[in-house]
Amino acid sequence: MSETSGVESTDRFAALPSGMRICFRDLGDKADPAILLIAGMGEDLTFWTDSFFDSLVARGFRVVAIDNRDVGRSTFVAAPPPALWRQIAARPRGDAYALSDMARDAVGVLDCLGISQVHLVGRSMGGMIAQTIAATAPERVLSLTSLYSTTGSKKVGRPALSTIRLLAAPPARTRTEAVRAHLRITRHLAGTGYPIDDAAEASIAARGWDRGAGDPAAGVARQVQAIQRSGDRTAQLGRITAPTLVINGDRDLLVHPSGGAATVRAICSAQHVVIPGMGHHIPEALVGPVTTYIAQHANRVGEGGNHVRIS
């Protein structure tokens, strides 16, 4: 079931059998083909930005976006977060959830909306969740677009040491600290070709802080743990049959571009787009190109083809 929110009319909630309450937004014409957007670690659904939503809706898609568990207005799990030593050693707690649990959350929202099949678009950790859905519930997936994500293999997609040092900083405990931290890491990750818009990014970070229903630091730690618990998913990716498009930049300091290349190798007939100068971020200047790739891919599938036309 779902209910409309009295706080923000565009936010709705799916109460799932697992006990999770997943916040989502549903935009565009309900008769249009549906795209499900799944954001990355620590990102709520608003990190996709209004222009990203609007671009896909204008291209003829119904767009559904979710807050993953442990971020935004969705359920923050009661289990304690893993200690720092566990995160460093990749030793998840026994009560850790996995990417497969987050995938079931997303499919549960589709069930709530009565959407039988969808075009999946996920970025970073959201790409891992989308990959998992495509591998485990293939009947629900029309196409898959994996944005700057990876396979879970420790041999590929590793963050730069400079990024690890930034991520090791103490977590933000106030709205102001959250904005400053977001600006610092986003400047670092944005890539060489696309400097960030400080005002726009500050607004995104502030809105994300305001929407948070729990402790964001604990939520991120549990999401890190979910990735670690899921391990190397290369073999699982080999079971994906949905037409797949992999997009990443060549200047990604969080998920090294080798993660995108490994994803392409793992998924049969996957297509690969590498955007020069792009990092681990979708700035306003890339909203048009990225949504064009997504729409071309989805439309090509709708016409009965298997691959996106890369121009």
Protein backbone atom coordinates (compact mmCIF):
# COMPACT_ATOMS: atom_id res chain seq x y z
CA MET A 1 0.00 0.00 0.00
CA SER A 2 1.06 3.63 -0.28
CA GLU A 3 0.13 6.90 1.31
CA THR A 4 0.67 10.50 0.33
CA SER A 5 2.79 12.61 2.62
CA GLY A 6 1.38 15.58 4.48
CA VAL A 7 4.88 17.04 4.71
CA GLU A 8 5.84 17.00 1.04
CA SER A 9 3.09 16.16 -1.43
CA THR A 10 5.44 14.57 -3.96
CA ASP A 11 6.79 12.06 -1.43
CA ARG A 12 4.88 8.79 -1.06
CA PHE A 13 5.61 5.67 0.93
CA ALA A 14 5.46 1.94 0.28
CA ALA A 15 4.98 -0.22 3.37
CA LEU A 16 6.68 -3.50 2.47
CA PRO A 17 6.18 -6.98 3.97
CA SER A 18 9.79 -6.88 5.20
CA GLY A 19 8.88 -4.03 7.54
CA MET A 20 10.72 -1.45 5.44
CA ARG A 21 8.91 1.78 4.63
CA ILE A 22 10.39 3.09 1.40
CA CYS A 23 9.89 6.68 0.30
CA PHE A 24 9.47 7.30 -3.42
CA ARG A 25 8.37 9.83 -6.00
CA ASP A 26 6.38 9.01 -9.11
CA LEU A 27 6.54 11.58 -11.91
CA GLY A 28 5.26 11.83 -15.46
CA ASP A 29 2.45 10.19 -17.41
CA LYS A 30 1.48 6.84 -15.88
CA ALA A 31 0.87 5.47 -19.38
CA ASP A 32 4.51 6.05 -20.40
CA PRO A 33 7.27 3.42 -20.04
CA ALA A 34 8.63 3.49 -16.49
CA ILE A 35 12.20 4.24 -15.43
CA LEU A 36 13.29 3.45 -11.87
CA LEU A 37 16.13 5.65 -10.56
CA ILE A 38 18.27 4.24 -7.74
CA ALA A 39 20.76 6.65 -6.15
CA GLY A 40 24.17 5.98 -4.65
CA MET A 41 25.47 5.49 -1.14
CA GLY A 42 24.26 8.18 1.25
CA GLU A 43 22.24 9.89 -1.49
CA ASP A 44 18.51 10.40 -1.25
CA LEU A 45 16.25 10.56 -4.31
CA THR A 46 16.63 14.36 -4.62
CA PHE A 47 20.30 13.94 -5.55
CA TRP A 48 19.08 13.11 -9.06
CA THR A 49 18.01 16.80 -9.30
CA ASP A 50 14.84 18.26 -10.78
CA SER A 51 16.47 18.80 -14.16
CA PHE A 52 17.36 15.11 -14.40
CA PHE A 53 13.76 14.12 -13.61
CA ASP A 54 12.36 16.73 -16.00
CA SER A 55 14.63 15.64 -18.85
CA LEU A 56 13.48 12.03 -18.66
CA VAL A 57 9.81 12.97 -18.29
CA ALA A 58 10.12 15.28 -21.31
CA ARG A 59 11.54 12.36 -23.27
CA GLY A 60 8.38 10.36 -22.66
CA PHE A 61 9.05 8.35 -19.52
CA ARG A 62 7.29 7.83 -16.23
CA VAL A 63 10.03 8.33 -13.63
CA VAL A 64 10.02 6.63 -10.24
CA ALA A 65 12.82 7.40 -7.78
CA ILE A 66 13.36 5.91 -4.33
CA ASP A 67 15.12 6.66 -1.08
CA ASN A 68 17.09 3.49 -0.34
CA ARG A 69 16.81 2.13 3.18
CA ASP A 70 19.02 4.09 5.61
CA VAL A 71 18.78 7.37 3.71
CA GLY A 72 16.26 10.14 3.15
CA ARG A 73 12.76 9.48 4.44
CA SER A 74 12.90 5.69 4.16
CA THR A 75 13.35 3.36 7.14
CA PHE A 76 16.62 3.62 9.03
CA VAL A 77 17.38 0.14 10.28
CA ALA A 78 17.57 -0.49 14.00
CA ALA A 79 20.79 -2.58 13.87
CA PRO A 80 23.92 -0.80 15.10
CA PRO A 81 26.29 0.42 12.39
CA PRO A 82 29.53 -1.52 11.90
CA ALA A 83 32.54 -0.27 13.82
CA LEU A 84 35.21 1.53 11.82
CA TRP A 85 37.56 -1.45 12.08
CA ARG A 86 34.90 -3.67 10.50
CA GLN A 87 34.50 -1.26 7.59
CA ILE A 88 38.26 -1.08 7.06
CA ALA A 89 38.67 -4.86 7.31
CA ALA A 90 35.49 -5.53 5.27
CA ARG A 91 34.11 -7.69 8.10
CA PRO A 92 30.33 -7.05 8.19
CA ARG A 93 28.33 -7.61 11.35
CA GLY A 94 26.21 -10.77 11.47
CA ASP A 95 23.02 -8.71 11.25
CA ALA A 96 24.12 -6.80 8.13
CA TYR A 97 21.72 -6.53 5.22
CA ALA A 98 22.96 -7.03 1.64
CA LEU A 99 22.43 -5.42 -1.75
CA SER A 100 19.88 -8.17 -2.43
CA ASP A 101 17.74 -6.83 0.42
CA MET A 102 17.92 -3.32 -1.04
CA ALA A 103 17.00 -4.77 -4.44
CA ARG A 104 13.89 -6.33 -2.90
CA ASP A 105 13.00 -2.93 -1.43
CA ALA A 106 13.06 -1.42 -4.93
CA VAL A 107 11.01 -4.23 -6.44
CA GLY A 108 8.54 -3.80 -3.57
CA VAL A 109 7.95 -0.20 -4.62
CA LEU A 110 7.26 -1.38 -8.19
CA ASP A 111 4.76 -3.89 -6.77
CA CYS A 112 3.12 -1.10 -4.79
CA LEU A 113 2.69 0.91 -7.98
CA GLY A 114 1.55 -2.04 -10.07
CA ILE A 115 4.53 -1.68 -12.44
CA SER A 116 5.35 -5.07 -13.92
CA GLN A 117 8.40 -4.08 -15.98
CA VAL A 118 10.80 -1.17 -15.80
CA HIS A 119 13.91 0.40 -17.26
CA LEU A 120 16.47 0.37 -14.43
CA VAL A 121 18.93 3.23 -13.92
CA GLY A 122 21.29 3.13 -10.95
CA ARG A 123 24.41 5.07 -10.09
CA SER A 124 27.34 3.94 -7.94
CA MET A 125 25.83 1.76 -5.17
CA GLY A 126 22.49 2.26 -6.92
CA GLY A 127 24.07 0.69 -10.00
CA MET A 128 24.97 -2.34 -7.88
CA ILE A 129 21.37 -2.58 -6.67
CA ALA A 130 20.06 -2.24 -10.22
CA GLN A 131 22.48 -4.94 -11.40
CA THR A 132 21.20 -7.20 -8.62
CA ILE A 133 17.57 -6.69 -9.66
CA ALA A 134 18.45 -7.42 -13.29
CA ALA A 135 20.22 -10.63 -12.26
CA THR A 136 17.63 -11.91 -9.77
CA ALA A 137 14.33 -10.64 -11.20
CA PRO A 138 14.94 -10.58 -14.97
CA GLU A 139 11.23 -10.71 -15.77
CA ARG A 140 10.83 -7.23 -14.25
CA VAL A 141 13.61 -5.54 -16.24
CA LEU A 142 13.27 -4.05 -19.73
CA SER A 143 16.75 -2.53 -19.74
CA LEU A 144 19.58 -1.69 -17.37
CA THR A 145 21.76 1.42 -17.26
CA SER A 146 24.64 1.23 -14.79
CA LEU A 147 26.22 4.61 -14.03
CA TYR A 148 29.78 4.76 -12.62
CA SER A 149 29.38 1.49 -10.77
CA THR A 150 31.33 -1.76 -10.46
CA THR A 151 31.16 -5.52 -9.94
CA GLY A 152 32.25 -5.85 -6.32
CA SER A 153 35.57 -7.44 -7.28
CA LYS A 154 38.42 -6.09 -5.17
CA LYS A 155 40.61 -6.03 -8.28
CA VAL A 156 38.65 -3.26 -10.02
CA GLY A 157 36.85 -0.01 -9.26
CA ARG A 158 38.93 0.84 -6.24
CA PRO A 159 38.87 4.42 -4.87
CA ALA A 160 41.94 6.63 -5.02
CA LEU A 161 43.94 7.04 -1.80
CA SER A 162 43.08 10.75 -1.84
CA THR A 163 39.40 9.82 -1.81
CA ILE A 164 39.83 7.34 1.03
CA ARG A 165 41.49 10.05 3.12
CA LEU A 166 38.56 12.42 2.52
CA LEU A 167 35.99 9.76 3.34
CA ALA A 168 37.80 8.96 6.60
CA ALA A 169 37.01 12.43 7.99
CA PRO A 170 34.65 12.56 11.00
CA PRO A 171 31.00 12.53 9.86
CA ALA A 172 28.97 15.72 9.74
CA ARG A 173 26.77 16.28 12.77
CA THR A 174 25.06 19.52 11.71
CA ARG A 175 23.44 20.87 8.56
CA THR A 176 26.30 23.32 8.02
CA GLU A 177 28.90 20.58 8.41
CA ALA A 178 26.97 18.38 5.98
CA VAL A 179 26.95 21.09 3.32
CA ARG A 180 30.67 21.75 3.74
CA ALA A 181 31.49 18.05 3.60
CA HIS A 182 29.38 17.57 0.47
CA LEU A 183 31.08 20.48 -1.29
CA ARG A 184 34.51 19.19 -0.34
CA ILE A 185 33.96 15.63 -1.58
CA THR A 186 31.99 16.66 -4.66
CA ARG A 187 34.71 19.09 -5.78
CA HIS A 188 37.16 16.21 -5.41
CA LEU A 189 35.03 13.68 -7.32
CA ALA A 190 33.51 15.85 -10.04
CA GLY A 191 36.21 15.22 -12.65
CA THR A 192 38.54 17.49 -14.55
CA GLY A 193 36.08 18.65 -17.18
CA TYR A 194 33.13 19.65 -15.03
CA PRO A 195 33.67 22.02 -12.07
CA ILE A 196 30.76 22.03 -9.68
CA ASP A 197 28.18 24.75 -9.11
CA ASP A 198 28.77 25.51 -5.42
CA ALA A 199 25.36 27.10 -4.84
CA ALA A 200 23.46 24.26 -6.51
CA GLU A 201 25.44 21.59 -4.67
CA ALA A 202 25.02 23.37 -1.33
CA SER A 203 21.26 23.36 -1.91
CA ILE A 204 21.28 19.64 -2.72
CA ALA A 205 23.24 18.84 0.43
CA ALA A 206 21.05 21.02 2.66
CA ARG A 207 17.88 19.47 1.26
CA GLY A 208 19.31 15.99 1.78
CA TRP A 209 20.13 16.80 5.41
CA ASP A 210 16.63 18.17 6.00
CA ARG A 211 14.97 15.07 4.51
CA GLY A 212 16.99 12.64 6.61
CA ALA A 213 14.84 10.51 8.92
CA GLY A 214 17.73 9.06 10.91
CA ASP A 215 21.46 9.23 11.63
CA PRO A 216 23.10 9.73 8.21
CA ALA A 217 26.54 8.53 9.34
CA ALA A 218 25.12 5.28 10.71
CA GLY A 219 23.06 4.85 7.55
CA VAL A 220 26.09 5.24 5.28
CA ALA A 221 28.08 2.79 7.42
CA ARG A 222 25.33 0.17 7.08
CA GLN A 223 25.18 0.77 3.31
CA VAL A 224 28.97 0.31 3.05
CA GLN A 225 28.49 -2.92 4.98
CA ALA A 226 25.80 -4.05 2.51
CA ILE A 227 28.26 -3.67 -0.37
CA GLN A 228 30.94 -5.55 1.55
CA ARG A 229 28.59 -8.35 2.55
CA SER A 230 27.58 -8.81 -1.10
CA GLY A 231 31.18 -9.38 -2.17
CA ASP A 232 32.28 -10.03 -5.75
CA ARG A 233 29.14 -10.19 -7.90
CA THR A 234 30.88 -10.85 -11.23
CA ALA A 235 29.36 -14.33 -11.64
CA GLN A 236 25.91 -12.97 -10.81
CA LEU A 237 26.28 -10.23 -13.42
CA GLY A 238 26.90 -12.96 -15.99
CA ARG A 239 23.27 -14.01 -15.56
CA ILE A 240 21.89 -10.62 -16.66
CA THR A 241 19.95 -10.88 -19.90
CA ALA A 242 18.46 -7.36 -20.05
CA PRO A 243 20.03 -5.04 -22.64
CA THR A 244 22.64 -3.16 -20.64
CA LEU A 245 24.35 0.20 -21.00
CA VAL A 246 27.33 1.07 -18.79
CA ILE A 247 28.26 4.75 -18.45
CA ASN A 248 31.24 6.12 -16.55
CA GLY A 249 33.77 8.93 -16.74
CA ASP A 250 37.49 8.58 -17.26
CA ARG A 251 38.30 10.72 -14.20
CA ASP A 252 36.43 8.87 -11.45
CA LEU A 253 38.31 8.94 -8.13
CA LEU A 254 35.69 6.98 -6.15
CA VAL A 255 34.93 4.06 -8.48
CA HIS A 256 37.93 3.69 -10.76
CA PRO A 257 36.93 3.40 -14.45
CA SER A 258 38.17 -0.20 -14.35
CA GLY A 259 34.92 -0.95 -12.49
CA GLY A 260 32.87 0.10 -15.51
CA ALA A 261 35.06 -1.90 -17.88
CA ALA A 262 34.72 -4.99 -15.66
CA THR A 263 30.93 -4.57 -15.61
CA VAL A 264 30.89 -4.52 -19.42
CA ARG A 265 32.98 -7.69 -19.55
CA ALA A 266 30.72 -9.44 -17.05
CA ILE A 267 27.38 -8.72 -18.77
CA CYS A 268 26.78 -10.31 -22.15
CA SER A 269 26.53 -7.76 -24.99
CA ALA A 270 26.70 -4.76 -22.63
CA GLN A 271 27.45 -1.46 -24.31
CA HIS A 272 29.95 1.02 -22.87
CA VAL A 273 30.05 4.82 -22.91
CA VAL A 274 33.05 6.58 -21.37
CA ILE A 275 32.59 10.34 -20.98
CA PRO A 276 35.89 12.28 -21.10
CA GLY A 277 36.52 14.52 -18.11
CA MET A 278 33.59 13.10 -16.11
CA GLY A 279 34.17 11.94 -12.56
CA HIS A 280 31.82 10.43 -9.97
CA HIS A 281 29.17 13.09 -10.42
CA ILE A 282 26.48 14.21 -12.87
CA PRO A 283 26.79 18.00 -13.13
CA GLU A 284 24.14 20.10 -14.83
CA ALA A 285 26.24 20.18 -18.02
CA LEU A 286 25.97 16.38 -18.28
CA VAL A 287 22.27 15.97 -17.45
CA GLY A 288 21.33 16.35 -21.13
CA PRO A 289 23.95 13.93 -22.53
CA VAL A 290 23.41 11.30 -19.82
CA THR A 291 19.61 11.35 -20.08
CA THR A 292 19.94 11.20 -23.87
CA TYR A 293 22.00 8.01 -23.58
CA ILE A 294 19.47 6.54 -21.15
CA ALA A 295 16.48 7.45 -23.35
CA GLN A 296 18.15 6.17 -26.54
CA HIS A 297 18.93 2.90 -24.81
CA ALA A 298 15.41 2.47 -23.45
CA ASN A 299 13.77 3.47 -26.73
CA ARG A 300 15.99 1.12 -28.71
CA VAL A 301 14.85 -1.72 -26.46
CA GLY A 302 11.24 -0.65 -26.94
CA GLU A 303 11.72 -0.89 -30.69
CA GLY A 304 12.87 -4.47 -30.33
CA GLY A 305 16.62 -3.90 -30.53
CA ASN A 306 19.23 -5.00 -28.04
CA HIS A 307 21.70 -2.15 -28.04
CA VAL A 308 21.88 1.60 -27.67
CA ARG A 309 23.03 3.60 -30.67
CA ILE A 310 26.20 5.41 -29.62
CA SER A 311 26.73 8.58 -31.62
